Amino acid sequence: MKNGVMYSRLIQPPPNKSFFLFGPRGTGKTTWVQSNFPNSVYIDLLEAGLFNDLIANPQRLSNFIPPDFKDWVIIDEIQRIPDLLHEFQRLMEAKNYRFILTGSSPPKLKRKGGIWA
């Protein structure tokens, strides 16, 4: 987004599959996911209270998702809490949740022992 104008994006997310969306800060990742997935649960890891709660107890992630929720769950700035990747994977398998994870630092996830490292 530049000067309040959002440029169109040529992103085709995988249908009904969780995915990562990485890119530099300020490129419109958050704006794009919020406008394309308006019925999602949005978890912003830049929010201090939420960050502190989840960094201390990653297993609390499920507390932020309504029971039997069938739409998308967006976790913004996932690189801030790499340990959430294990919980994300567990919830995908156990509850069939679909996640969109955004971030600006994939190497940070790998250094911290992310699920693909």
N, C-alpha and C. Protein backbone atom coordinates (compact mmCIF):
# COMPACT_ATOMS: atom_id res chain seq x y z
N MET A 1 0.86 -1.15 0.00
CA MET A 1 0.00 0.00 0.00
C MET A 1 0.91 1.22 0.00
N LYS A 2 0.62 2.18 -0.85
CA LYS A 2 1.41 3.39 -0.93
C LYS A 2 0.47 4.59 -0.95
N ASN A 3 0.69 5.52 -0.03
CA ASN A 3 -0.15 6.72 0.06
C ASN A 3 -1.63 6.37 0.17
N GLY A 4 -1.96 5.30 0.89
CA GLY A 4 -3.35 4.93 1.10
C GLY A 4 -4.00 4.23 -0.08
N VAL A 5 -3.23 3.90 -1.12
CA VAL A 5 -3.78 3.24 -2.30
C VAL A 5 -3.29 1.80 -2.32
N MET A 6 -4.22 0.86 -2.38
CA MET A 6 -3.82 -0.55 -2.44
C MET A 6 -3.74 -0.98 -3.90
N TYR A 7 -2.58 -1.50 -4.25
CA TYR A 7 -2.40 -2.01 -5.59
C TYR A 7 -2.93 -3.43 -5.65
N SER A 8 -3.46 -3.83 -6.78
CA SER A 8 -3.98 -5.19 -6.88
C SER A 8 -2.83 -6.19 -6.79
N ARG A 9 -3.11 -7.33 -6.25
CA ARG A 9 -2.11 -8.38 -6.05
C ARG A 9 -2.47 -9.57 -6.93
N LEU A 10 -1.45 -10.22 -7.42
CA LEU A 10 -1.65 -11.39 -8.28
C LEU A 10 -1.40 -12.66 -7.47
N ILE A 11 -1.94 -12.72 -6.30
CA ILE A 11 -1.74 -13.87 -5.42
C ILE A 11 -2.92 -14.81 -5.56
N GLN A 12 -2.64 -16.06 -5.78
CA GLN A 12 -3.67 -17.10 -5.82
C GLN A 12 -3.40 -18.07 -4.68
N PRO A 13 -4.08 -17.92 -3.56
CA PRO A 13 -3.84 -18.85 -2.45
C PRO A 13 -4.32 -20.24 -2.81
N PRO A 14 -3.70 -21.25 -2.21
CA PRO A 14 -4.18 -22.62 -2.46
C PRO A 14 -5.60 -22.78 -1.92
N PRO A 15 -6.49 -23.37 -2.70
CA PRO A 15 -7.87 -23.51 -2.22
C PRO A 15 -7.96 -24.46 -1.03
N ASN A 16 -8.55 -23.97 0.05
CA ASN A 16 -8.84 -24.76 1.24
C ASN A 16 -7.62 -25.41 1.89
N LYS A 17 -6.44 -24.84 1.69
CA LYS A 17 -5.23 -25.35 2.35
C LYS A 17 -4.55 -24.20 3.08
N SER A 18 -4.03 -24.50 4.26
CA SER A 18 -3.28 -23.50 5.00
C SER A 18 -2.05 -23.08 4.20
N PHE A 19 -1.63 -21.81 4.42
CA PHE A 19 -0.45 -21.34 3.70
C PHE A 19 0.23 -20.21 4.45
N PHE A 20 1.51 -19.99 4.09
CA PHE A 20 2.32 -18.90 4.60
C PHE A 20 2.31 -17.78 3.57
N LEU A 21 2.33 -16.54 4.04
CA LEU A 21 2.48 -15.38 3.17
C LEU A 21 3.58 -14.52 3.77
N PHE A 22 4.77 -14.60 3.17
CA PHE A 22 5.91 -13.84 3.67
C PHE A 22 6.26 -12.71 2.72
N GLY A 23 6.78 -11.63 3.27
CA GLY A 23 7.24 -10.51 2.47
C GLY A 23 7.74 -9.41 3.39
N PRO A 24 8.43 -8.43 2.81
CA PRO A 24 8.96 -7.32 3.62
C PRO A 24 7.85 -6.56 4.32
N ARG A 25 8.22 -5.91 5.41
CA ARG A 25 7.26 -5.08 6.14
C ARG A 25 6.72 -3.99 5.23
N GLY A 26 5.45 -3.66 5.43
CA GLY A 26 4.85 -2.55 4.70
C GLY A 26 4.45 -2.83 3.27
N THR A 27 4.40 -4.11 2.88
CA THR A 27 4.05 -4.42 1.49
C THR A 27 2.58 -4.76 1.29
N GLY A 28 1.80 -4.78 2.37
CA GLY A 28 0.37 -4.99 2.23
C GLY A 28 -0.12 -6.39 2.55
N LYS A 29 0.70 -7.22 3.20
CA LYS A 29 0.27 -8.59 3.54
C LYS A 29 -0.98 -8.58 4.41
N THR A 30 -0.94 -7.80 5.47
CA THR A 30 -2.08 -7.74 6.39
C THR A 30 -3.32 -7.20 5.70
N THR A 31 -3.16 -6.14 4.96
CA THR A 31 -4.30 -5.55 4.23
C THR A 31 -4.88 -6.57 3.26
N TRP A 32 -4.02 -7.31 2.57
CA TRP A 32 -4.49 -8.29 1.59
C TRP A 32 -5.27 -9.41 2.26
N VAL A 33 -4.73 -10.00 3.36
CA VAL A 33 -5.44 -11.11 3.98
C VAL A 33 -6.75 -10.66 4.61
N GLN A 34 -6.76 -9.48 5.21
CA GLN A 34 -7.99 -9.00 5.83
C GLN A 34 -9.06 -8.67 4.80
N SER A 35 -8.66 -8.17 3.64
CA SER A 35 -9.67 -7.85 2.63
C SER A 35 -10.13 -9.09 1.85
N ASN A 36 -9.29 -10.10 1.73
CA ASN A 36 -9.65 -11.30 0.98
C ASN A 36 -10.27 -12.40 1.85
N PHE A 37 -10.13 -12.29 3.16
CA PHE A 37 -10.67 -13.30 4.08
C PHE A 37 -11.40 -12.57 5.22
N PRO A 38 -12.49 -11.85 4.90
CA PRO A 38 -13.14 -10.98 5.88
C PRO A 38 -13.82 -11.71 7.04
N ASN A 39 -14.13 -12.98 6.90
CA ASN A 39 -14.82 -13.72 7.97
C ASN A 39 -13.86 -14.51 8.85
N SER A 40 -12.58 -14.23 8.72
CA SER A 40 -11.58 -14.99 9.44
C SER A 40 -11.46 -14.52 10.89
N VAL A 41 -10.84 -15.39 11.69
CA VAL A 41 -10.38 -14.99 13.02
C VAL A 41 -9.00 -14.40 12.78
N TYR A 42 -8.78 -13.18 13.25
CA TYR A 42 -7.52 -12.48 13.01
C TYR A 42 -6.76 -12.36 14.33
N ILE A 43 -5.55 -12.92 14.37
CA ILE A 43 -4.71 -12.91 15.56
C ILE A 43 -3.46 -12.10 15.22
N ASP A 44 -3.34 -10.93 15.85
CA ASP A 44 -2.25 -10.00 15.57
C ASP A 44 -1.18 -10.10 16.66
N LEU A 45 -0.04 -10.69 16.31
CA LEU A 45 1.02 -10.89 17.29
C LEU A 45 1.80 -9.60 17.59
N LEU A 46 1.43 -8.49 16.98
CA LEU A 46 2.00 -7.20 17.36
C LEU A 46 1.25 -6.61 18.56
N GLU A 47 0.07 -7.18 18.87
CA GLU A 47 -0.70 -6.73 20.03
C GLU A 47 -0.02 -7.28 21.29
N ALA A 48 0.45 -6.39 22.14
CA ALA A 48 1.30 -6.76 23.28
C ALA A 48 0.67 -7.79 24.22
N GLY A 49 -0.57 -7.59 24.62
CA GLY A 49 -1.20 -8.54 25.55
C GLY A 49 -1.34 -9.92 24.96
N LEU A 50 -1.78 -9.98 23.72
CA LEU A 50 -1.93 -11.25 23.02
C LEU A 50 -0.57 -11.94 22.86
N PHE A 51 0.43 -11.16 22.44
CA PHE A 51 1.79 -11.68 22.29
C PHE A 51 2.28 -12.29 23.60
N ASN A 52 2.15 -11.55 24.69
CA ASN A 52 2.64 -12.03 26.00
C ASN A 52 1.93 -13.31 26.42
N ASP A 53 0.62 -13.37 26.18
CA ASP A 53 -0.15 -14.56 26.53
C ASP A 53 0.32 -15.77 25.74
N LEU A 54 0.47 -15.60 24.43
CA LEU A 54 0.83 -16.74 23.58
C LEU A 54 2.30 -17.12 23.66
N ILE A 55 3.18 -16.18 23.92
CA ILE A 55 4.59 -16.56 24.05
C ILE A 55 4.80 -17.39 25.32
N ALA A 56 4.02 -17.08 26.37
CA ALA A 56 4.11 -17.84 27.61
C ALA A 56 3.42 -19.19 27.51
N ASN A 57 2.34 -19.25 26.70
CA ASN A 57 1.53 -20.46 26.61
C ASN A 57 1.02 -20.65 25.18
N PRO A 58 1.86 -21.15 24.26
CA PRO A 58 1.41 -21.31 22.88
C PRO A 58 0.16 -22.18 22.73
N GLN A 59 -0.05 -23.11 23.66
CA GLN A 59 -1.21 -24.00 23.57
C GLN A 59 -2.52 -23.24 23.75
N ARG A 60 -2.48 -21.99 24.19
CA ARG A 60 -3.68 -21.17 24.33
C ARG A 60 -4.21 -20.66 22.99
N LEU A 61 -3.49 -20.93 21.91
CA LEU A 61 -3.94 -20.48 20.60
C LEU A 61 -5.38 -20.90 20.33
N SER A 62 -5.74 -22.12 20.71
CA SER A 62 -7.09 -22.61 20.45
C SER A 62 -8.16 -21.80 21.20
N ASN A 63 -7.78 -21.11 22.29
CA ASN A 63 -8.74 -20.28 23.03
C ASN A 63 -9.23 -19.08 22.22
N PHE A 64 -8.49 -18.72 21.18
CA PHE A 64 -8.84 -17.56 20.37
C PHE A 64 -9.67 -17.94 19.14
N ILE A 65 -9.96 -19.22 19.00
CA ILE A 65 -10.72 -19.72 17.86
C ILE A 65 -12.04 -20.29 18.38
N PRO A 66 -13.18 -19.79 17.90
CA PRO A 66 -14.46 -20.31 18.38
C PRO A 66 -14.60 -21.82 18.11
N PRO A 67 -15.26 -22.54 19.01
CA PRO A 67 -15.48 -23.98 18.76
C PRO A 67 -16.21 -24.19 17.44
N ASP A 68 -15.84 -25.22 16.73
CA ASP A 68 -16.46 -25.59 15.45
C ASP A 68 -16.33 -24.50 14.39
N PHE A 69 -15.33 -23.64 14.50
CA PHE A 69 -15.10 -22.59 13.51
C PHE A 69 -14.66 -23.23 12.20
N LYS A 70 -15.24 -22.80 11.08
CA LYS A 70 -14.97 -23.44 9.79
C LYS A 70 -14.28 -22.53 8.79
N ASP A 71 -14.07 -21.26 9.14
CA ASP A 71 -13.44 -20.34 8.19
C ASP A 71 -11.94 -20.27 8.48
N TRP A 72 -11.28 -19.25 7.95
CA TRP A 72 -9.84 -19.10 8.06
C TRP A 72 -9.43 -18.49 9.39
N VAL A 73 -8.24 -18.88 9.86
CA VAL A 73 -7.61 -18.28 11.02
C VAL A 73 -6.32 -17.63 10.52
N ILE A 74 -6.21 -16.33 10.71
CA ILE A 74 -5.02 -15.59 10.28
C ILE A 74 -4.16 -15.31 11.50
N ILE A 75 -2.89 -15.68 11.42
CA ILE A 75 -1.93 -15.31 12.46
C ILE A 75 -0.92 -14.38 11.79
N ASP A 76 -0.98 -13.12 12.19
CA ASP A 76 -0.13 -12.08 11.59
C ASP A 76 1.15 -11.92 12.39
N GLU A 77 2.28 -11.87 11.69
CA GLU A 77 3.62 -11.73 12.28
C GLU A 77 4.04 -12.98 13.03
N ILE A 78 3.83 -14.13 12.42
CA ILE A 78 4.13 -15.43 13.02
C ILE A 78 5.58 -15.56 13.47
N GLN A 79 6.51 -14.86 12.83
CA GLN A 79 7.92 -14.98 13.20
C GLN A 79 8.19 -14.50 14.62
N ARG A 80 7.27 -13.77 15.21
CA ARG A 80 7.46 -13.29 16.59
C ARG A 80 7.36 -14.43 17.60
N ILE A 81 6.62 -15.51 17.28
CA ILE A 81 6.48 -16.65 18.20
C ILE A 81 6.63 -17.95 17.40
N PRO A 82 7.85 -18.33 17.07
CA PRO A 82 8.05 -19.55 16.28
C PRO A 82 7.44 -20.80 16.92
N ASP A 83 7.36 -20.85 18.26
CA ASP A 83 6.79 -22.03 18.92
C ASP A 83 5.31 -22.23 18.58
N LEU A 84 4.64 -21.21 18.06
CA LEU A 84 3.25 -21.36 17.65
C LEU A 84 3.11 -22.29 16.44
N LEU A 85 4.19 -22.48 15.70
CA LEU A 85 4.12 -23.36 14.52
C LEU A 85 3.73 -24.78 14.91
N HIS A 86 4.20 -25.23 16.05
CA HIS A 86 3.86 -26.59 16.49
C HIS A 86 2.37 -26.68 16.85
N GLU A 87 1.87 -25.63 17.49
CA GLU A 87 0.45 -25.60 17.86
C GLU A 87 -0.41 -25.45 16.62
N PHE A 88 0.02 -24.64 15.68
CA PHE A 88 -0.66 -24.48 14.40
C PHE A 88 -0.79 -25.84 13.70
N GLN A 89 0.30 -26.58 13.66
CA GLN A 89 0.28 -27.89 13.01
C GLN A 89 -0.65 -28.86 13.74
N ARG A 90 -0.62 -28.83 15.07
CA ARG A 90 -1.48 -29.71 15.86
C ARG A 90 -2.95 -29.40 15.61
N LEU A 91 -3.30 -28.11 15.58
CA LEU A 91 -4.70 -27.73 15.37
C LEU A 91 -5.17 -28.01 13.95
N MET A 92 -4.27 -27.91 12.98
CA MET A 92 -4.64 -28.28 11.61
C MET A 92 -5.03 -29.75 11.55
N GLU A 93 -4.25 -30.59 12.21
CA GLU A 93 -4.50 -32.03 12.17
C GLU A 93 -5.67 -32.43 13.06
N ALA A 94 -5.77 -31.87 14.25
CA ALA A 94 -6.79 -32.28 15.21
C ALA A 94 -8.16 -31.67 14.92
N LYS A 95 -8.20 -30.42 14.46
CA LYS A 95 -9.47 -29.69 14.31
C LYS A 95 -9.78 -29.32 12.86
N ASN A 96 -8.88 -29.64 11.94
CA ASN A 96 -9.05 -29.27 10.53
C ASN A 96 -9.18 -27.77 10.31
N TYR A 97 -8.55 -26.97 11.18
CA TYR A 97 -8.54 -25.53 10.98
C TYR A 97 -7.67 -25.20 9.77
N ARG A 98 -8.05 -24.11 9.08
CA ARG A 98 -7.25 -23.61 7.96
C ARG A 98 -6.61 -22.30 8.39
N PHE A 99 -5.29 -22.24 8.28
CA PHE A 99 -4.54 -21.09 8.74
C PHE A 99 -3.89 -20.34 7.59
N ILE A 100 -3.78 -19.03 7.78
CA ILE A 100 -2.94 -18.19 6.94
C ILE A 100 -1.95 -17.55 7.90
N LEU A 101 -0.68 -17.81 7.68
CA LEU A 101 0.35 -17.26 8.54
C LEU A 101 1.12 -16.21 7.75
N THR A 102 1.18 -14.99 8.29
CA THR A 102 1.94 -13.95 7.61
C THR A 102 3.18 -13.62 8.43
N GLY A 103 4.19 -13.13 7.74
CA GLY A 103 5.40 -12.76 8.44
C GLY A 103 6.39 -12.07 7.53
N SER A 104 7.38 -11.48 8.16
CA SER A 104 8.38 -10.76 7.39
C SER A 104 9.77 -11.36 7.54
N SER A 105 9.89 -12.48 8.25
CA SER A 105 11.22 -13.04 8.48
C SER A 105 11.22 -14.57 8.52
N PRO A 106 11.11 -15.24 7.35
CA PRO A 106 11.16 -16.70 7.38
C PRO A 106 12.46 -17.26 7.95
N PRO A 107 13.63 -16.61 7.75
CA PRO A 107 14.85 -17.16 8.35
C PRO A 107 14.78 -17.22 9.87
N LYS A 108 14.10 -16.28 10.49
CA LYS A 108 13.95 -16.28 11.95
C LYS A 108 13.19 -17.53 12.39
N LEU A 109 12.21 -17.96 11.62
CA LEU A 109 11.47 -19.17 11.95
C LEU A 109 12.38 -20.40 11.84
N LYS A 110 13.20 -20.44 10.83
CA LYS A 110 14.11 -21.58 10.65
C LYS A 110 15.13 -21.63 11.78
N ARG A 111 15.70 -20.48 12.15
CA ARG A 111 16.70 -20.43 13.24
C ARG A 111 16.09 -20.91 14.55
N LYS A 112 14.81 -20.62 14.77
CA LYS A 112 14.15 -20.97 16.03
C LYS A 112 13.59 -22.38 16.02
N GLY A 113 13.80 -23.13 14.94
CA GLY A 113 13.35 -24.52 14.92
C GLY A 113 11.94 -24.68 14.43
N GLY A 114 11.56 -23.93 13.42
CA GLY A 114 10.22 -24.05 12.84
C GLY A 114 9.97 -25.45 12.31
N ILE A 115 8.75 -25.71 11.88
CA ILE A 115 8.36 -27.07 11.51
C ILE A 115 9.06 -27.59 10.27
N TRP A 116 9.63 -26.73 9.45
CA TRP A 116 10.31 -27.23 8.26
C TRP A 116 11.83 -27.14 8.39
N ALA A 117 12.32 -26.62 9.51
CA ALA A 117 13.78 -26.46 9.67
C ALA A 117 14.45 -27.78 9.97
